[in-house]
Amino acid sequence: MNSARIVLGTAQLGRDGDAVAFALLDEYVGLGGTVLDTASAYHLFRPGIRSEEIIGEWLRARGRPPGLAIVSKGAHPLREARDVQRCDAASIRADIDLSLRRLGVEQIDLWYMHRDDPRLPVADIVGVLRELVGEGKIARFGCSNWTLPRLREALALPGQSFVANQVLGNLFCETMVPFDGPNNVALDAPTFRTTIDAGLTLDAYGGTADGYFEKRARGDAPPSSYDTPASAGVADRISAIAAREGLAPGHLALAFLLHLSPQIRALIGPRSPEQLRQSWPAGAIELTPELVREIAGAAEMHAYI
């Protein structure tokens, strides 16, 4: 069972009201979920989103379930100054303290640098994070949306460094619309191999590709990030394989991601308990190595196998 590696992404938490948010968190834990992924900057993305605050309120109301890990992120630019990087020591510390207050916890289990500032030495950033581990505010730290050269530089440092890497990753990462600018990083084969070979956890966000297959089944337009002829070809081939195997194509896509490596965790971002229940069965699907290779070929991801 790979369901334990399905992470609840909470970038939408609060968008549909607190009651829906509480119901979603209840459902995730009830299904056996063990990791909540949030960020101090999520409230900047859409009106109504209060991800960390709602998680904190939920923890106080329900009590923290045994074994539930809290993952958060910081060092993201502010809404009023999107072009101003915030990877300096003061900003890192301010964001971690803010997250601790919002969440109502004494320590964050895994804290990610949400962004990078290539002008700063990697050693300086890692040094601040090591201090925060020593102070007990975070247990471990990782990088989110960092380029491969900067990740490799961090891994080459002596001593404690990143234990996890978070990038966008799904069945369409090789055929999607390329990101415009340095703020987001999509998984590619070299990043995949470096992360796995270094023994890091690979947190792949966007695991359902914004509900690509569910939207396709309804006749809706594909999500803009995946609206390419190459991605449409991937979808056609995956749908054919899924039909042959008697599986929903969205489940097959998510199961494939989890089968690429036991170090991968798939982040999904449902807005409701119903959407969560739709994706959850993917964690129970077992794929043969032959089928994984076939899916990799269909997705133009041969280099990942």
Protein backbone atom coordinates (compact mmCIF):
# COMPACT_ATOMS: atom_id res chain seq x y z
CA MET A 1 0.00 0.00 0.00
CA ASN A 2 1.41 3.37 -1.07
CA SER A 3 -1.36 5.50 0.41
CA ALA A 4 0.91 6.56 3.27
CA ARG A 5 2.95 8.47 0.69
CA ILE A 6 0.01 10.53 -0.52
CA VAL A 7 0.50 13.95 1.07
CA LEU A 8 -2.34 16.41 1.55
CA GLY A 9 -1.39 19.69 -0.06
CA THR A 10 -3.30 22.52 1.60
CA ALA A 11 -2.76 25.47 -0.73
CA GLN A 12 -6.56 25.73 -1.14
CA LEU A 13 -7.46 25.42 2.54
CA GLY A 14 -10.03 28.02 3.51
CA ARG A 15 -11.08 28.88 -0.04
CA ASP A 16 -14.41 27.11 0.48
CA GLY A 17 -14.84 28.00 4.15
CA ASP A 18 -13.58 26.60 7.42
CA ALA A 19 -16.20 23.83 7.65
CA VAL A 20 -15.09 22.30 4.35
CA ALA A 21 -11.45 22.65 5.40
CA PHE A 22 -12.07 20.85 8.70
CA ALA A 23 -14.00 18.10 6.89
CA LEU A 24 -11.13 17.65 4.42
CA LEU A 25 -8.54 17.35 7.20
CA ASP A 26 -10.78 14.92 9.08
CA GLU A 27 -11.22 12.80 5.97
CA TYR A 28 -7.51 12.70 5.21
CA VAL A 29 -6.60 11.50 8.69
CA GLY A 30 -9.52 9.09 8.69
CA LEU A 31 -8.25 7.49 5.48
CA GLY A 32 -4.83 7.00 7.07
CA GLY A 33 -3.00 10.05 5.77
CA THR A 34 0.10 11.05 7.71
CA VAL A 35 1.55 14.26 6.20
CA LEU A 36 0.09 17.76 5.86
CA ASP A 37 1.94 20.13 3.54
CA THR A 38 1.42 23.86 3.99
CA ALA A 39 3.32 27.15 3.61
CA SER A 40 3.44 30.57 5.23
CA ALA A 41 2.75 32.21 1.84
CA TYR A 42 -0.35 30.32 0.77
CA HIS A 43 -2.60 33.11 1.98
CA LEU A 44 -1.06 35.27 -0.76
CA PHE A 45 -2.38 33.07 -3.55
CA ARG A 46 -6.18 33.48 -3.36
CA PRO A 47 -8.73 35.31 -1.19
CA GLY A 48 -9.95 33.28 1.77
CA ILE A 49 -7.00 30.92 2.02
CA ARG A 50 -5.72 30.52 5.59
CA SER A 51 -3.86 27.25 5.35
CA GLU A 52 -1.57 27.37 8.37
CA GLU A 53 -4.14 29.12 10.55
CA ILE A 54 -6.84 26.55 9.78
CA ILE A 55 -4.48 23.63 10.41
CA GLY A 56 -3.62 25.20 13.76
CA GLU A 57 -7.29 25.65 14.64
CA TRP A 58 -8.02 22.08 13.57
CA LEU A 59 -5.15 20.71 15.68
CA ARG A 60 -6.44 22.58 18.71
CA ALA A 61 -9.98 21.37 18.12
CA ARG A 62 -9.20 17.75 17.32
CA GLY A 63 -5.88 17.13 19.02
CA ARG A 64 -2.87 16.11 16.98
CA PRO A 65 -3.30 12.57 15.61
CA PRO A 66 -0.41 10.23 16.47
CA GLY A 67 2.16 10.11 13.69
CA LEU A 68 0.85 13.14 11.79
CA ALA A 69 3.76 15.14 10.33
CA ILE A 70 3.55 18.86 9.60
CA VAL A 71 5.51 20.18 6.62
CA SER A 72 5.70 23.90 5.94
CA LYS A 73 7.62 26.31 3.75
CA GLY A 74 8.88 29.88 3.88
CA ALA A 75 11.22 32.46 2.31
CA HIS A 76 8.61 33.29 -0.34
CA PRO A 77 8.33 36.87 -1.67
CA LEU A 78 5.54 39.00 -0.24
CA ARG A 79 2.46 40.05 -2.20
CA GLU A 80 3.44 43.71 -2.18
CA ALA A 81 7.00 42.99 -3.35
CA ARG A 82 6.94 39.94 -5.60
CA ASP A 83 10.38 40.66 -7.04
CA VAL A 84 12.11 41.00 -3.67
CA GLN A 85 13.75 37.76 -2.57
CA ARG A 86 13.44 36.75 1.08
CA CYS A 87 16.07 34.06 1.59
CA ASP A 88 18.14 36.05 4.07
CA ALA A 89 18.49 34.92 7.68
CA ALA A 90 16.04 37.47 9.09
CA SER A 91 13.30 36.51 6.63
CA ILE A 92 13.82 32.79 7.16
CA ARG A 93 13.57 33.21 10.92
CA ALA A 94 10.53 35.49 10.67
CA ASP A 95 8.66 33.01 8.48
CA ILE A 96 9.44 30.04 10.72
CA ASP A 97 8.33 31.93 13.82
CA LEU A 98 5.13 32.99 12.03
CA SER A 99 4.41 29.40 10.97
CA LEU A 100 4.99 28.09 14.48
CA ARG A 101 2.51 30.62 15.87
CA ARG A 102 -0.11 29.94 13.25
CA LEU A 103 0.19 26.17 13.55
CA GLY A 104 0.40 26.23 17.33
CA VAL A 105 3.26 23.72 17.40
CA GLU A 106 6.67 23.85 19.02
CA GLN A 107 8.52 22.33 16.09
CA ILE A 108 7.92 21.89 12.35
CA ASP A 109 8.79 18.36 11.24
CA LEU A 110 10.10 19.39 7.82
CA TRP A 111 10.58 22.98 6.66
CA TYR A 112 11.26 23.91 3.06
CA MET A 113 12.93 26.91 1.52
CA HIS A 114 9.95 27.79 -0.69
CA ARG A 115 12.17 29.77 -3.04
CA ASP A 116 15.87 30.38 -3.64
CA ASP A 117 18.01 33.46 -4.14
CA PRO A 118 20.97 32.54 -6.36
CA ARG A 119 22.77 35.69 -5.24
CA LEU A 120 23.25 34.21 -1.77
CA PRO A 121 25.81 31.47 -1.08
CA VAL A 122 24.09 28.13 -0.50
CA ALA A 123 26.31 27.60 2.54
CA ASP A 124 24.90 30.74 4.18
CA ILE A 125 21.30 29.58 3.72
CA VAL A 126 22.04 26.09 4.97
CA GLY A 127 23.93 27.55 7.92
CA VAL A 128 20.84 29.45 9.08
CA LEU A 129 18.71 26.32 8.75
CA ARG A 130 21.20 24.32 10.79
CA GLU A 131 20.97 26.92 13.54
CA LEU A 132 17.19 26.61 13.57
CA VAL A 133 17.45 22.83 13.88
CA GLY A 134 19.77 23.34 16.81
CA GLU A 135 17.22 25.68 18.39
CA GLY A 136 14.53 23.03 18.03
CA LYS A 137 12.24 25.12 15.80
CA ILE A 138 12.50 22.73 12.85
CA ALA A 139 13.44 19.06 12.87
CA ARG A 140 14.72 18.83 9.28
CA PHE A 141 14.90 21.05 6.23
CA GLY A 142 14.68 20.80 2.46
CA CYS A 143 14.46 22.88 -0.70
CA SER A 144 11.42 23.62 -2.83
CA ASN A 145 11.69 24.89 -6.41
CA TRP A 146 15.47 24.98 -6.37
CA THR A 147 17.42 24.41 -9.55
CA LEU A 148 19.57 21.31 -9.87
CA PRO A 149 22.94 23.15 -9.69
CA ARG A 150 21.93 24.80 -6.41
CA LEU A 151 20.63 21.51 -5.02
CA ARG A 152 23.89 19.80 -5.90
CA GLU A 153 25.85 22.61 -4.26
CA ALA A 154 23.90 22.12 -1.05
CA LEU A 155 24.40 18.37 -1.11
CA ALA A 156 28.15 18.85 -1.51
CA LEU A 157 28.41 20.76 1.76
CA PRO A 158 29.89 18.87 4.70
CA GLY A 159 27.49 18.24 7.54
CA GLN A 160 23.72 18.50 7.78
CA SER A 161 21.94 19.57 4.60
CA PHE A 162 18.69 19.10 2.72
CA VAL A 163 16.82 15.87 3.39
CA ALA A 164 14.06 16.50 0.85
CA ASN A 165 13.43 18.16 -2.49
CA GLN A 166 10.03 19.49 -3.58
CA VAL A 167 9.29 20.23 -7.22
CA LEU A 168 6.29 19.89 -9.50
CA GLY A 169 6.14 16.29 -10.63
CA ASN A 170 3.54 14.20 -12.40
CA LEU A 171 2.93 12.16 -15.53
CA PHE A 172 3.17 15.28 -17.72
CA CYS A 173 6.33 16.85 -16.34
CA GLU A 174 8.22 16.09 -19.58
CA THR A 175 5.49 17.40 -21.91
CA MET A 176 3.91 20.31 -20.00
CA VAL A 177 4.20 24.01 -20.79
CA PRO A 178 7.65 25.01 -19.49
CA PHE A 179 7.65 27.32 -16.51
CA ASP A 180 8.26 30.94 -17.41
CA GLY A 181 10.83 32.27 -14.99
CA PRO A 182 12.83 30.91 -12.07
CA ASN A 183 10.14 30.70 -9.40
CA ASN A 184 8.90 27.18 -10.08
CA VAL A 185 10.83 24.06 -11.02
CA ALA A 186 9.41 20.97 -12.71
CA LEU A 187 10.85 17.50 -12.29
CA ASP A 188 13.21 16.25 -14.97
CA ALA A 189 15.31 13.11 -15.20
CA PRO A 190 18.59 14.61 -13.86
CA THR A 191 16.79 16.17 -10.89
CA PHE A 192 14.96 12.91 -10.24
CA ARG A 193 18.15 10.87 -10.33
CA THR A 194 20.16 13.29 -8.19
CA THR A 195 17.42 13.45 -5.55
CA ILE A 196 16.92 9.70 -5.38
CA ASP A 197 20.62 8.80 -5.50
CA ALA A 198 21.33 11.22 -2.65
CA GLY A 199 18.74 9.46 -0.50
CA LEU A 200 16.42 12.48 -0.30
CA THR A 201 12.66 12.39 -0.11
CA LEU A 202 11.15 13.68 -3.35
CA ASP A 203 7.92 15.54 -2.65
CA ALA A 204 6.23 15.88 -6.03
CA TYR A 205 3.53 18.51 -5.93
CA GLY A 206 0.75 18.65 -8.53
CA GLY A 207 0.55 14.85 -8.50
CA THR A 208 -2.87 14.80 -10.18
CA ALA A 209 -1.86 17.46 -12.74
CA ASP A 210 -4.70 19.71 -11.57
CA GLY A 211 -7.23 16.94 -12.13
CA TYR A 212 -6.27 16.52 -15.80
CA PHE A 213 -7.98 13.19 -16.39
CA GLU A 214 -11.10 14.06 -14.41
CA LYS A 215 -11.51 17.27 -16.43
CA ARG A 216 -10.89 15.33 -19.62
CA ALA A 217 -13.63 12.86 -18.72
CA ARG A 218 -16.07 15.76 -18.29
CA GLY A 219 -15.11 17.24 -21.63
CA ASP A 220 -13.50 20.29 -20.00
CA ALA A 221 -10.42 22.03 -21.35
CA PRO A 222 -7.15 20.69 -19.94
CA PRO A 223 -5.40 22.71 -17.23
CA SER A 224 -3.39 25.44 -18.91
CA SER A 225 -0.05 24.10 -17.68
CA TYR A 226 -0.68 20.85 -19.55
CA ASP A 227 -2.43 22.18 -22.65
CA THR A 228 0.11 20.93 -25.18
CA PRO A 229 -0.15 18.45 -28.08
CA ALA A 230 2.53 16.31 -26.43
CA SER A 231 0.57 16.12 -23.17
CA ALA A 232 -2.59 15.24 -25.10
CA GLY A 233 -0.68 12.38 -26.68
CA VAL A 234 0.46 11.19 -23.26
CA ALA A 235 -3.14 11.35 -22.03
CA ASP A 236 -4.36 9.28 -24.99
CA ARG A 237 -1.75 6.58 -24.40
CA ILE A 238 -2.28 6.47 -20.64
CA SER A 239 -6.05 6.30 -21.07
CA ALA A 240 -5.64 3.32 -23.39
CA ILE A 241 -3.41 1.51 -20.89
CA ALA A 242 -5.83 2.31 -18.06
CA ALA A 243 -8.79 0.97 -20.03
CA ARG A 244 -6.92 -2.25 -20.73
CA GLU A 245 -6.03 -2.64 -17.04
CA GLY A 246 -9.53 -1.75 -15.83
CA LEU A 247 -8.32 1.34 -13.96
CA ALA A 248 -9.23 5.01 -13.95
CA PRO A 249 -6.51 6.91 -15.87
CA GLY A 250 -6.10 9.41 -13.04
CA HIS A 251 -5.50 6.57 -10.59
CA LEU A 252 -3.00 4.96 -12.93
CA ALA A 253 -1.12 8.25 -13.31
CA LEU A 254 -0.84 8.78 -9.56
CA ALA A 255 0.07 5.14 -8.90
CA PHE A 256 2.84 5.38 -11.49
CA LEU A 257 4.34 8.38 -9.72
CA LEU A 258 4.41 6.46 -6.43
CA HIS A 259 6.02 3.46 -8.13
CA LEU A 260 8.94 5.42 -9.58
CA SER A 261 10.70 5.23 -6.21
CA PRO A 262 9.78 4.50 -2.60
CA GLN A 263 11.36 7.89 -1.82
CA ILE A 264 8.62 9.73 -3.72
CA ARG A 265 5.64 11.27 -1.96
CA ALA A 266 2.81 12.54 -4.15
CA LEU A 267 1.21 15.83 -3.08
CA ILE A 268 -2.40 16.25 -4.06
CA GLY A 269 -4.55 19.30 -3.44
CA PRO A 270 -8.24 18.36 -3.27
CA ARG A 271 -10.71 21.05 -2.28
CA SER A 272 -13.21 18.71 -0.66
CA PRO A 273 -13.46 15.30 1.02
CA GLU A 274 -15.16 14.01 -2.12
CA GLN A 275 -12.23 14.98 -4.32
CA LEU A 276 -9.84 13.38 -1.83
CA ARG A 277 -11.80 10.12 -1.87
CA GLN A 278 -11.67 10.12 -5.67
CA SER A 279 -7.85 10.12 -5.67
CA TRP A 280 -7.14 7.97 -2.62
CA PRO A 281 -7.60 4.51 -4.25
CA ALA A 282 -4.51 5.17 -6.37
CA GLY A 283 -2.40 4.42 -3.32
CA ALA A 284 -3.67 0.84 -3.21
CA ILE A 285 -2.81 0.03 -6.83
CA GLU A 286 0.15 -2.29 -7.36
CA LEU A 287 1.91 -2.01 -10.72
CA THR A 288 4.28 -4.60 -12.12
CA PRO A 289 7.74 -3.43 -13.19
CA GLU A 290 6.75 -4.16 -16.78
CA LEU A 291 3.70 -1.93 -16.49
CA VAL A 292 5.73 0.85 -14.89
CA ARG A 293 8.13 0.73 -17.83
CA GLU A 294 5.24 0.81 -20.29
CA ILE A 295 3.72 3.84 -18.59
CA ALA A 296 7.11 5.58 -18.50
CA GLY A 297 7.39 5.07 -22.24
CA ALA A 298 3.90 6.39 -22.81
CA ALA A 299 4.72 9.50 -20.75
CA GLU A 300 8.10 10.08 -22.44
CA MET A 301 9.77 9.39 -19.09
CA HIS A 302 12.07 6.55 -20.16
CA ALA A 303 15.05 8.16 -18.43
CA TYR A 304 13.37 7.82 -15.02
CA ILE A 305 13.41 4.03 -15.08
